């Protein structure tokens, strides 16, 4: 959208009556218009290419069958993260309770 806006601005500048009066200004605006059109076409090519921008984990899924250890490491990390979140919620629960002997023992554990 930004490059489309830049192209629109450059074409609007080209249609400015000042371009007819000042040849130097016309030359600069024409160069600017050409650059903006090039930038827009480059951006369109980049968007149309199949980059992993849409899904950053795309390379991992593509190579998961090639490198099974990577897939296992991701699974272990997810499991460890779930365990951590579960234990963190238990700790928060015990910290909210009254500080008695059994609660402190479970909190320490």
PDB file of N, CA and C in Angstrom:
ATOM      1  N   UNK A   1       0.833  -1.188   0.000  1.00  0.00           N
ATOM      2  CA  UNK A   1       0.000   0.000   0.000  1.00  0.00           C
ATOM      3  C   UNK A   1       0.880   1.255   0.000  1.00  0.00           C
ATOM      4  N   UNK A   2       2.016   1.160   0.699  1.00  0.00           N
ATOM      5  CA  UNK A   2       2.890   2.324   0.770  1.00  0.00           C
ATOM      6  C   UNK A   2       3.504   2.624  -0.601  1.00  0.00           C
ATOM      7  N   UNK A   3       3.935   1.604  -1.317  1.00  0.00           N
ATOM      8  CA  UNK A   3       4.524   1.848  -2.635  1.00  0.00           C
ATOM      9  C   UNK A   3       3.461   2.320  -3.619  1.00  0.00           C
ATOM     10  N   UNK A   4       2.231   1.824  -3.481  1.00  0.00           N
ATOM     11  CA  UNK A   4       1.135   2.306  -4.330  1.00  0.00           C
ATOM     12  C   UNK A   4       0.886   3.793  -4.071  1.00  0.00           C
ATOM     13  N   UNK A   5       0.950   4.199  -2.813  1.00  0.00           N
ATOM     14  CA  UNK A   5       0.773   5.611  -2.472  1.00  0.00           C
ATOM     15  C   UNK A   5       1.898   6.460  -3.059  1.00  0.00           C
ATOM     16  N   UNK A   6       3.120   5.948  -3.006  1.00  0.00           N
ATOM     17  CA  UNK A   6       4.255   6.688  -3.556  1.00  0.00           C
ATOM     18  C   UNK A   6       4.108   6.845  -5.063  1.00  0.00           C
ATOM     19  N   UNK A   7       3.628   5.817  -5.746  1.00  0.00           N
ATOM     20  CA  UNK A   7       3.401   5.901  -7.192  1.00  0.00           C
ATOM     21  C   UNK A   7       2.326   6.938  -7.491  1.00  0.00           C
ATOM     22  N   UNK A   8       1.268   6.956  -6.690  1.00  0.00           N
ATOM     23  CA  UNK A   8       0.184   7.936  -6.890  1.00  0.00           C
ATOM     24  C   UNK A   8       0.710   9.355  -6.684  1.00  0.00           C
ATOM     25  N   UNK A   9       1.516   9.550  -5.639  1.00  0.00           N
ATOM     26  CA  UNK A   9       2.086  10.879  -5.381  1.00  0.00           C
ATOM     27  C   UNK A   9       2.969  11.312  -6.549  1.00  0.00           C
ATOM     28  N   UNK A  10       3.801  10.406  -7.048  1.00  0.00           N
ATOM     29  CA  UNK A  10       4.695  10.775  -8.150  1.00  0.00           C
ATOM     30  C   UNK A  10       3.908  11.075  -9.423  1.00  0.00           C
ATOM     31  N   UNK A  11       2.835  10.339  -9.688  1.00  0.00           N
ATOM     32  CA  UNK A  11       2.035  10.633 -10.885  1.00  0.00           C
ATOM     33  C   UNK A  11       1.271  11.950 -10.717  1.00  0.00           C
ATOM     34  N   UNK A  12       0.841  12.229  -9.482  1.00  0.00           N
ATOM     35  CA  UNK A  12       0.183  13.515  -9.232  1.00  0.00           C
ATOM     36  C   UNK A  12       1.160  14.675  -9.438  1.00  0.00           C
ATOM     37  N   UNK A  13       2.408  14.479  -9.024  1.00  0.00           N
ATOM     38  CA  UNK A  13       3.414  15.518  -9.233  1.00  0.00           C
ATOM     39  C   UNK A  13       3.678  15.739 -10.718  1.00  0.00           C
ATOM     40  N   UNK A  14       3.652  14.640 -11.484  1.00  0.00           N
ATOM     41  CA  UNK A  14       3.874  14.781 -12.928  1.00  0.00           C
ATOM     42  C   UNK A  14       2.768  15.589 -13.595  1.00  0.00           C
ATOM     43  N   UNK A  15       1.564  15.488 -13.070  1.00  0.00           N
ATOM     44  CA  UNK A  15       0.454  16.226 -13.676  1.00  0.00           C
ATOM     45  C   UNK A  15       0.365  17.665 -13.159  1.00  0.00           C
ATOM     46  N   UNK A  16       1.277  18.051 -12.301  1.00  0.00           N
ATOM     47  CA  UNK A  16       1.308  19.405 -11.747  1.00  0.00           C
ATOM     48  C   UNK A  16       1.666  20.409 -12.853  1.00  0.00           C
ATOM     49  N   UNK A  17       0.965  21.537 -12.938  1.00  0.00           N
ATOM     50  CA  UNK A  17       1.275  22.530 -13.983  1.00  0.00           C
ATOM     51  C   UNK A  17       2.685  23.125 -13.859  1.00  0.00           C
ATOM     52  N   UNK A  18       3.279  23.027 -12.687  1.00  0.00           N
ATOM     53  CA  UNK A  18       4.633  23.554 -12.493  1.00  0.00           C
ATOM     54  C   UNK A  18       5.645  22.781 -13.345  1.00  0.00           C
ATOM     55  N   UNK A  19       5.331  21.511 -13.638  1.00  0.00           N
ATOM     56  CA  UNK A  19       6.241  20.708 -14.467  1.00  0.00           C
ATOM     57  C   UNK A  19       6.331  21.269 -15.883  1.00  0.00           C
ATOM     58  N   UNK A  20       5.254  21.855 -16.361  1.00  0.00           N
ATOM     59  CA  UNK A  20       5.273  22.423 -17.709  1.00  0.00           C
ATOM     60  C   UNK A  20       6.122  23.693 -17.750  1.00  0.00           C
ATOM     61  N   UNK A  21       6.170  24.420 -16.654  1.00  0.00           N
ATOM     62  CA  UNK A  21       6.891  25.687 -16.613  1.00  0.00           C
ATOM     63  C   UNK A  21       8.376  25.506 -16.334  1.00  0.00           C
ATOM     64  N   UNK A  22       8.722  24.535 -15.480  1.00  0.00           N
ATOM     65  CA  UNK A  22      10.116  24.330 -15.074  1.00  0.00           C
ATOM     66  C   UNK A  22      10.651  23.002 -15.619  1.00  0.00           C
ATOM     67  N   UNK A  23      11.505  23.023 -16.616  1.00  0.00           N
ATOM     68  CA  UNK A  23      12.048  21.762 -17.159  1.00  0.00           C
ATOM     69  C   UNK A  23      12.909  21.007 -16.144  1.00  0.00           C
ATOM     70  N   UNK A  24      13.610  21.709 -15.271  1.00  0.00           N
ATOM     71  CA  UNK A  24      14.442  21.032 -14.260  1.00  0.00           C
ATOM     72  C   UNK A  24      13.555  20.278 -13.271  1.00  0.00           C
ATOM     73  N   UNK A  25      12.448  20.896 -12.892  1.00  0.00           N
ATOM     74  CA  UNK A  25      11.507  20.244 -11.974  1.00  0.00           C
ATOM     75  C   UNK A  25      10.869  19.036 -12.647  1.00  0.00           C
ATOM     76  N   UNK A  26      10.548  19.167 -13.935  1.00  0.00           N
ATOM     77  CA  UNK A  26       9.968  18.053 -14.688  1.00  0.00           C
ATOM     78  C   UNK A  26      10.939  16.883 -14.734  1.00  0.00           C
ATOM     79  N   UNK A  27      12.209  17.170 -14.919  1.00  0.00           N
ATOM     80  CA  UNK A  27      13.229  16.116 -14.967  1.00  0.00           C
ATOM     81  C   UNK A  27      13.331  15.388 -13.621  1.00  0.00           C
ATOM     82  N   UNK A  28      13.322  16.144 -12.526  1.00  0.00           N
ATOM     83  CA  UNK A  28      13.407  15.530 -11.188  1.00  0.00           C
ATOM     84  C   UNK A  28      12.166  14.691 -10.889  1.00  0.00           C
ATOM     85  N   UNK A  29      10.997  15.216 -11.228  1.00  0.00           N
ATOM     86  CA  UNK A  29       9.760  14.494 -10.950  1.00  0.00           C
ATOM     87  C   UNK A  29       9.666  13.235 -11.812  1.00  0.00           C
ATOM     88  N   UNK A  30      10.137  13.318 -13.046  1.00  0.00           N
ATOM     89  CA  UNK A  30      10.139  12.137 -13.920  1.00  0.00           C
ATOM     90  C   UNK A  30      11.056  11.051 -13.352  1.00  0.00           C
ATOM     91  N   UNK A  31      12.223  11.461 -12.863  1.00  0.00           N
ATOM     92  CA  UNK A  31      13.143  10.494 -12.246  1.00  0.00           C
ATOM     93  C   UNK A  31      12.515   9.886 -10.994  1.00  0.00           C
ATOM     94  N   UNK A  32      11.849  10.708 -10.209  1.00  0.00           N
ATOM     95  CA  UNK A  32      11.178  10.228  -9.001  1.00  0.00           C
ATOM     96  C   UNK A  32      10.060   9.253  -9.364  1.00  0.00           C
ATOM     97  N   UNK A  33       9.288   9.586 -10.405  1.00  0.00           N
ATOM     98  CA  UNK A  33       8.198   8.720 -10.841  1.00  0.00           C
ATOM     99  C   UNK A  33       8.728   7.370 -11.315  1.00  0.00           C
ATOM    100  N   UNK A  34       9.811   7.395 -12.066  1.00  0.00           N
ATOM    101  CA  UNK A  34      10.424   6.146 -12.544  1.00  0.00           C
ATOM    102  C   UNK A  34      10.899   5.294 -11.367  1.00  0.00           C
ATOM    103  N   UNK A  35      11.524   5.933 -10.394  1.00  0.00           N
ATOM    104  CA  UNK A  35      12.020   5.204  -9.222  1.00  0.00           C
ATOM    105  C   UNK A  35      10.870   4.601  -8.425  1.00  0.00           C
ATOM    106  N   UNK A  36       9.793   5.337  -8.274  1.00  0.00           N
ATOM    107  CA  UNK A  36       8.652   4.832  -7.502  1.00  0.00           C
ATOM    108  C   UNK A  36       7.971   3.672  -8.223  1.00  0.00           C
ATOM    109  N   UNK A  37       7.900   3.749  -9.560  1.00  0.00           N
ATOM    110  CA  UNK A  37       7.311   2.640 -10.320  1.00  0.00           C
ATOM    111  C   UNK A  37       8.186   1.397 -10.242  1.00  0.00           C
ATOM    112  N   UNK A  38       9.508   1.598 -10.276  1.00  0.00           N
ATOM    113  CA  UNK A  38      10.426   0.455 -10.107  1.00  0.00           C
ATOM    114  C   UNK A  38      10.265  -0.169  -8.726  1.00  0.00           C
ATOM    115  N   UNK A  39      10.194   0.689  -7.706  1.00  0.00           N
ATOM    116  CA  UNK A  39      10.037   0.192  -6.340  1.00  0.00           C
ATOM    117  C   UNK A  39       8.728  -0.592  -6.207  1.00  0.00           C
ATOM    118  N   UNK A  40       7.660  -0.085  -6.817  1.00  0.00           N
ATOM    119  CA  UNK A  40       6.380  -0.767  -6.739  1.00  0.00           C
ATOM    120  C   UNK A  40       6.440  -2.123  -7.436  1.00  0.00           C
ATOM    121  N   UNK A  41       7.054  -2.178  -8.600  1.00  0.00           N
ATOM    122  CA  UNK A  41       7.147  -3.466  -9.300  1.00  0.00           C
ATOM    123  C   UNK A  41       8.023  -4.445  -8.520  1.00  0.00           C
ATOM    124  N   UNK A  42       9.095  -3.959  -7.907  1.00  0.00           N
ATOM    125  CA  UNK A  42       9.942  -4.822  -7.077  1.00  0.00           C
ATOM    126  C   UNK A  42       9.153  -5.367  -5.888  1.00  0.00           C
ATOM    127  N   UNK A  43       8.380  -4.499  -5.238  1.00  0.00           N
ATOM    128  CA  UNK A  43       7.579  -4.939  -4.099  1.00  0.00           C
ATOM    129  C   UNK A  43       6.531  -5.954  -4.523  1.00  0.00           C
ATOM    130  N   UNK A  44       5.935  -5.763  -5.692  1.00  0.00           N
ATOM    131  CA  UNK A  44       4.945  -6.718  -6.180  1.00  0.00           C
ATOM    132  C   UNK A  44       5.589  -8.078  -6.444  1.00  0.00           C
ATOM    133  N   UNK A  45       6.796  -8.068  -7.023  1.00  0.00           N
ATOM    134  CA  UNK A  45       7.510  -9.328  -7.256  1.00  0.00           C
ATOM    135  C   UNK A  45       7.814 -10.017  -5.932  1.00  0.00           C
ATOM    136  N   UNK A  46       8.223  -9.231  -4.959  1.00  0.00           N
ATOM    137  CA  UNK A  46       8.567  -9.796  -3.651  1.00  0.00           C
ATOM    138  C   UNK A  46       7.343 -10.395  -2.973  1.00  0.00           C
ATOM    139  N   UNK A  47       6.200  -9.733  -3.113  1.00  0.00           N
ATOM    140  CA  UNK A  47       4.973 -10.240  -2.504  1.00  0.00           C
ATOM    141  C   UNK A  47       4.522 -11.518  -3.198  1.00  0.00           C
ATOM    142  N   UNK A  48       4.685 -11.563  -4.512  1.00  0.00           N
ATOM    143  CA  UNK A  48       4.219 -12.724  -5.273  1.00  0.00           C
ATOM    144  C   UNK A  48       5.120 -13.942  -5.119  1.00  0.00           C
ATOM    145  N   UNK A  49       6.346 -13.741  -4.676  1.00  0.00           N
ATOM    146  CA  UNK A  49       7.244 -14.876  -4.480  1.00  0.00           C
ATOM    147  C   UNK A  49       6.789 -15.696  -3.293  1.00  0.00           C
ATOM    148  N   UNK A  50       7.161 -16.963  -3.274  1.00  0.00           N
ATOM    149  CA  UNK A  50       6.769 -17.850  -2.187  1.00  0.00           C
ATOM    150  C   UNK A  50       7.810 -17.773  -1.083  1.00  0.00           C
ATOM    151  N   UNK A  51       7.782 -16.683  -0.335  1.00  0.00           N
ATOM    152  CA  UNK A  51       8.696 -16.507   0.787  1.00  0.00           C
ATOM    153  C   UNK A  51       8.073 -17.099   2.033  1.00  0.00           C
ATOM    154  N   UNK A  52       8.893 -17.518   2.987  1.00  0.00           N
ATOM    155  CA  UNK A  52       8.333 -18.017   4.252  1.00  0.00           C
ATOM    156  C   UNK A  52       7.864 -16.891   5.172  1.00  0.00           C
ATOM    157  N   UNK A  53       7.587 -15.705   4.621  1.00  0.00           N
ATOM    158  CA  UNK A  53       7.108 -14.599   5.443  1.00  0.00           C
ATOM    159  C   UNK A  53       5.728 -14.898   6.011  1.00  0.00           C
ATOM    160  N   UNK A  54       4.912 -15.599   5.233  1.00  0.00           N
ATOM    161  CA  UNK A  54       3.548 -15.841   5.667  1.00  0.00           C
ATOM    162  C   UNK A  54       3.519 -16.761   6.882  1.00  0.00           C
ATOM    163  N   UNK A  55       4.416 -17.723   6.905  1.00  0.00           N
ATOM    164  CA  UNK A  55       4.487 -18.661   8.010  1.00  0.00           C
ATOM    165  C   UNK A  55       5.958 -18.840   8.371  1.00  0.00           C
ATOM    166  N   UNK A  56       6.449 -18.173   9.414  1.00  0.00           N
ATOM    167  CA  UNK A  56       7.876 -18.243   9.727  1.00  0.00           C
ATOM    168  C   UNK A  56       8.362 -19.646  10.069  1.00  0.00           C
ATOM    169  N   UNK A  57       7.477 -20.530  10.488  1.00  0.00           N
ATOM    170  CA  UNK A  57       7.917 -21.881  10.830  1.00  0.00           C
ATOM    171  C   UNK A  57       7.894 -22.798   9.622  1.00  0.00           C
ATOM    172  N   UNK A  58       7.614 -22.266   8.444  1.00  0.00           N
ATOM    173  CA  UNK A  58       7.546 -23.072   7.237  1.00  0.00           C
ATOM    174  C   UNK A  58       8.816 -23.889   6.999  1.00  0.00           C
ATOM    175  N   UNK A  59      10.031 -23.337   7.125  1.00  0.00           N
ATOM    176  CA  UNK A  59      11.224 -24.159   6.918  1.00  0.00           C
ATOM    177  C   UNK A  59      11.320 -25.321   7.898  1.00  0.00           C
ATOM    178  N   UNK A  60      10.854 -25.119   9.127  1.00  0.00           N
ATOM    179  CA  UNK A  60      10.902 -26.211  10.100  1.00  0.00           C
ATOM    180  C   UNK A  60       9.979 -27.347   9.687  1.00  0.00           C
ATOM    181  N   UNK A  61       8.787 -27.015   9.219  1.00  0.00           N
ATOM    182  CA  UNK A  61       7.859 -28.073   8.818  1.00  0.00           C
ATOM    183  C   UNK A  61       8.354 -28.785   7.570  1.00  0.00           C
ATOM    184  N   UNK A  62       9.016 -28.055   6.691  1.00  0.00           N
ATOM    185  CA  UNK A  62       9.513 -28.676   5.464  1.00  0.00           C
ATOM    186  C   UNK A  62      10.636 -29.657   5.764  1.00  0.00           C
ATOM    187  N   UNK A  63      11.502 -29.321   6.731  1.00  0.00           N
ATOM    188  CA  UNK A  63      12.648 -30.161   7.023  1.00  0.00           C
ATOM    189  C   UNK A  63      12.433 -31.077   8.219  1.00  0.00           C
ATOM    190  N   UNK A  64      11.224 -31.129   8.751  1.00  0.00           N
ATOM    191  CA  UNK A  64      10.996 -31.979   9.918  1.00  0.00           C
ATOM    192  C   UNK A  64      11.170 -33.458   9.582  1.00  0.00           C
ATOM    193  N   UNK A  65      10.851 -33.832   8.361  1.00  0.00           N
ATOM    194  CA  UNK A  65      11.059 -35.230   7.984  1.00  0.00           C
ATOM    195  C   UNK A  65      12.530 -35.515   7.706  1.00  0.00           C
ATOM    196  N   UNK A  66      13.273 -34.496   7.305  1.00  0.00           N
ATOM    197  CA  UNK A  66      14.696 -34.679   7.015  1.00  0.00           C
ATOM    198  C   UNK A  66      15.503 -34.728   8.315  1.00  0.00           C
ATOM    199  N   UNK A  67      15.130 -33.874   9.274  1.00  0.00           N
ATOM    200  CA  UNK A  67      15.821 -33.818  10.550  1.00  0.00           C
ATOM    201  C   UNK A  67      14.841 -34.176  11.670  1.00  0.00           C
ATOM    202  N   UNK A  68      14.654 -35.460  11.959  1.00  0.00           N
ATOM    203  CA  UNK A  68      13.691 -35.835  13.001  1.00  0.00           C
ATOM    204  C   UNK A  68      14.089 -35.338  14.383  1.00  0.00           C
ATOM    205  N   UNK A  69      15.372 -35.119  14.627  1.00  0.00           N
ATOM    206  CA  UNK A  69      15.800 -34.615  15.935  1.00  0.00           C
ATOM    207  C   UNK A  69      15.270 -33.204  16.164  1.00  0.00           C
ATOM    208  N   UNK A  70      15.155 -32.428  15.117  1.00  0.00           N
ATOM    209  CA  UNK A  70      14.589 -31.088  15.233  1.00  0.00           C
ATOM    210  C   UNK A  70      13.131 -31.160  15.669  1.00  0.00           C
ATOM    211  N   UNK A  71      12.385 -32.052  15.057  1.00  0.00           N
ATOM    212  CA  UNK A  71      10.974 -32.228  15.408  1.00  0.00           C
ATOM    213  C   UNK A  71      10.839 -32.684  16.858  1.00  0.00           C
ATOM    214  N   UNK A  72      11.708 -33.584  17.280  1.00  0.00           N
ATOM    215  CA  UNK A  72      11.660 -34.068  18.673  1.00  0.00           C
ATOM    216  C   UNK A  72      12.026 -32.939  19.637  1.00  0.00           C
ATOM    217  N   UNK A  73      12.986 -32.123  19.286  1.00  0.00           N
ATOM    218  CA  UNK A  73      13.377 -31.010  20.151  1.00  0.00           C
ATOM    219  C   UNK A  73      12.238 -30.005  20.291  1.00  0.00           C
ATOM    220  N   UNK A  74      11.530 -29.753  19.219  1.00  0.00           N
ATOM    221  CA  UNK A  74      10.389 -28.840  19.281  1.00  0.00           C
ATOM    222  C   UNK A  74       9.300 -29.421  20.169  1.00  0.00           C
ATOM    223  N   UNK A  75       9.044 -30.718  20.040  1.00  0.00           N
ATOM    224  CA  UNK A  75       8.028 -31.365  20.881  1.00  0.00           C
ATOM    225  C   UNK A  75       8.429 -31.336  22.356  1.00  0.00           C
ATOM    226  N   UNK A  76       9.717 -31.608  22.641  1.00  0.00           N
ATOM    227  CA  UNK A  76      10.194 -31.563  24.024  1.00  0.00           C
ATOM    228  C   UNK A  76      10.065 -30.163  24.596  1.00  0.00           C
ATOM    229  N   UNK A  77      10.381 -29.168  23.796  1.00  0.00           N
ATOM    230  CA  UNK A  77      10.274 -27.788  24.255  1.00  0.00           C
ATOM    231  C   UNK A  77       8.829 -27.443  24.578  1.00  0.00           C
ATOM    232  N   UNK A  78       7.907 -27.825  23.713  1.00  0.00           N
ATOM    233  CA  UNK A  78       6.487 -27.556  23.953  1.00  0.00           C
ATOM    234  C   UNK A  78       6.009 -28.249  25.231  1.00  0.00           C
ATOM    235  N   UNK A  79       6.439 -29.496  25.436  1.00  0.00           N
ATOM    236  CA  UNK A  79       6.036 -30.231  26.639  1.00  0.00           C
ATOM    237  C   UNK A  79       6.612 -29.570  27.886  1.00  0.00           C
ATOM    238  N   UNK A  80       7.875 -29.170  27.824  1.00  0.00           N
ATOM    239  CA  UNK A  80       8.508 -28.506  28.958  1.00  0.00           C
ATOM    240  C   UNK A  80       7.840 -27.170  29.250  1.00  0.00           C
ATOM    241  N   UNK A  81       7.476 -26.459  28.218  1.00  0.00           N
ATOM    242  CA  UNK A  81       6.792 -25.181  28.392  1.00  0.00           C
ATOM    243  C   UNK A  81       5.425 -25.373  29.050  1.00  0.00           C
ATOM    244  N   UNK A  82       4.704 -26.405  28.640  1.00  0.00           N
ATOM    245  CA  UNK A  82       3.412 -26.696  29.274  1.00  0.00           C
ATOM    246  C   UNK A  82       3.590 -27.075  30.741  1.00  0.00           C
ATOM    247  N   UNK A  83       4.602 -27.888  31.021  1.00  0.00           N
ATOM    248  CA  UNK A  83       4.876 -28.260  32.411  1.00  0.00           C
ATOM    249  C   UNK A  83       5.224 -27.032  33.243  1.00  0.00           C
ATOM    250  N   UNK A  84       6.045 -26.161  32.700  1.00  0.00           N
ATOM    251  CA  UNK A  84       6.433 -24.949  33.407  1.00  0.00           C
ATOM    252  C   UNK A  84       5.210 -24.088  33.717  1.00  0.00           C
ATOM    253  N   UNK A  85       4.350 -23.899  32.743  1.00  0.00           N
ATOM    254  CA  UNK A  85       3.155 -23.076  32.957  1.00  0.00           C
ATOM    255  C   UNK A  85       2.238 -23.701  34.006  1.00  0.00           C
ATOM    256  N   UNK A  86       2.109 -25.031  33.986  1.00  0.00           N
ATOM    257  CA  UNK A  86       1.274 -25.716  34.968  1.00  0.00           C
ATOM    258  C   UNK A  86       1.844 -25.537  36.374  1.00  0.00           C
ATOM    259  N   UNK A  87       3.155 -25.721  36.519  1.00  0.00           N
ATOM    260  CA  UNK A  87       3.778 -25.569  37.831  1.00  0.00           C
ATOM    261  C   UNK A  87       3.774 -24.114  38.289  1.00  0.00           C
ATOM    262  N   UNK A  88       3.921 -23.185  37.370  1.00  0.00           N
ATOM    263  CA  UNK A  88       3.886 -21.762  37.718  1.00  0.00           C
ATOM    264  C   UNK A  88       2.508 -21.385  38.253  1.00  0.00           C
ATOM    265  N   UNK A  89       1.458 -21.922  37.659  1.00  0.00           N
ATOM    266  CA  UNK A  89       0.113 -21.617  38.159  1.00  0.00           C
ATOM    267  C   UNK A  89      -0.096 -22.216  39.551  1.00  0.00           C
ATOM    268  N   UNK A  90       0.492 -23.397  39.812  1.00  0.00           N
ATOM    269  CA  UNK A  90       0.402 -23.987  41.155  1.00  0.00           C
ATOM    270  C   UNK A  90       1.113 -23.105  42.177  1.00  0.00           C
ATOM    271  N   UNK A  91       2.295 -22.614  41.821  1.00  0.00           N
ATOM    272  CA  UNK A  91       3.054 -21.748  42.725  1.00  0.00           C
ATOM    273  C   UNK A  91       2.260 -20.485  43.027  1.00  0.00           C
ATOM    274  N   UNK A  92       1.682 -19.891  41.996  1.00  0.00           N
ATOM    275  CA  UNK A  92       0.887 -18.680  42.205  1.00  0.00           C
ATOM    276  C   UNK A  92      -0.312 -18.960  43.112  1.00  0.00           C
ATOM    277  N   UNK A  93      -0.925 -20.117  42.959  1.00  0.00           N
ATOM    278  CA  UNK A  93      -2.068 -20.495  43.783  1.00  0.00           C
ATOM    279  C   UNK A  93      -1.649 -20.628  45.249  1.00  0.00           C
ATOM    280  N   UNK A  94      -0.501 -21.290  45.482  1.00  0.00           N
ATOM    281  CA  UNK A  94      -0.040 -21.463  46.864  1.00  0.00           C
ATOM    282  C   UNK A  94       0.445 -20.147  47.472  1.00  0.00           C
ATOM    283  N   UNK A  95       0.966 -19.245  46.647  1.00  0.00           N
ATOM    284  CA  UNK A  95       1.402 -17.948  47.171  1.00  0.00           C
ATOM    285  C   UNK A  95       0.216 -17.101  47.606  1.00  0.00           C
ATOM    286  N   UNK A  96      -0.938 -17.298  47.000  1.00  0.00           N
ATOM    287  CA  UNK A  96      -2.131 -16.537  47.355  1.00  0.00           C
ATOM    288  C   UNK A  96      -2.769 -17.050  48.653  1.00  0.00           C
ATOM    289  N   UNK A  97      -2.517 -18.314  48.973  1.00  0.00           N
ATOM    290  CA  UNK A  97      -3.129 -18.892  50.180  1.00  0.00           C
ATOM    291  C   UNK A  97      -2.439 -18.376  51.436  1.00  0.00           C
ATOM    292  N   UNK A  98      -3.098 -18.669  52.566  1.00  0.00           N
ATOM    293  CA  UNK A  98      -2.546 -18.284  53.867  1.00  0.00           C
ATOM    294  C   UNK A  98      -1.260 -19.066  54.124  1.00  0.00           C
ATOM    295  N   UNK A  99      -0.285 -18.410  54.723  1.00  0.00           N
ATOM    296  CA  UNK A  99       1.023 -19.024  54.945  1.00  0.00           C
ATOM    297  C   UNK A  99       1.005 -19.921  56.187  1.00  0.00           C
ATOM    298  N   UNK A 100       0.571 -21.141  55.977  1.00  0.00           N
ATOM    299  CA  UNK A 100       0.588 -22.136  57.062  1.00  0.00           C
ATOM    300  C   UNK A 100       1.670 -23.156  56.747  1.00  0.00           C
ATOM    301  N   UNK A 101       1.901 -24.057  57.677  1.00  0.00           N
ATOM    302  CA  UNK A 101       2.958 -25.054  57.517  1.00  0.00           C
ATOM    303  C   UNK A 101       2.814 -25.906  56.270  1.00  0.00           C
ATOM    304  N   UNK A 102       1.650 -26.566  56.076  1.00  0.00           N
ATOM    305  CA  UNK A 102       1.520 -27.424  54.885  1.00  0.00           C
ATOM    306  C   UNK A 102       1.600 -26.638  53.561  1.00  0.00           C
ATOM    307  N   UNK A 103       1.059 -25.426  53.559  1.00  0.00           N
ATOM    308  CA  UNK A 103       1.100 -24.621  52.330  1.00  0.00           C
ATOM    309  C   UNK A 103       2.536 -24.223  52.016  1.00  0.00           C
ATOM    310  N   UNK A 104       3.302 -23.837  53.048  1.00  0.00           N
ATOM    311  CA  UNK A 104       4.705 -23.468  52.828  1.00  0.00           C
ATOM    312  C   UNK A 104       5.514 -24.666  52.352  1.00  0.00           C
ATOM    313  N   UNK A 105       5.225 -25.862  52.888  1.00  0.00           N
ATOM    314  CA  UNK A 105       5.939 -27.053  52.462  1.00  0.00           C
ATOM    315  C   UNK A 105       5.655 -27.357  50.986  1.00  0.00           C
ATOM    316  N   UNK A 106       4.372 -27.246  50.593  1.00  0.00           N
ATOM    317  CA  UNK A 106       4.018 -27.504  49.190  1.00  0.00           C
ATOM    318  C   UNK A 106       4.610 -26.424  48.285  1.00  0.00           C
ATOM    319  N   UNK A 107       4.636 -25.188  48.774  1.00  0.00           N
ATOM    320  CA  UNK A 107       5.201 -24.105  47.973  1.00  0.00           C
ATOM    321  C   UNK A 107       6.694 -24.330  47.762  1.00  0.00           C
ATOM    322  N   UNK A 108       7.390 -24.754  48.820  1.00  0.00           N
ATOM    323  CA  UNK A 108       8.819 -25.037  48.718  1.00  0.00           C
ATOM    324  C   UNK A 108       9.069 -26.213  47.748  1.00  0.00           C
ATOM    325  N   UNK A 109       8.189 -27.196  47.820  1.00  0.00           N
ATOM    326  CA  UNK A 109       8.316 -28.376  46.974  1.00  0.00           C
ATOM    327  C   UNK A 109       8.113 -27.995  45.528  1.00  0.00           C
TER     328      UNK A 109
END
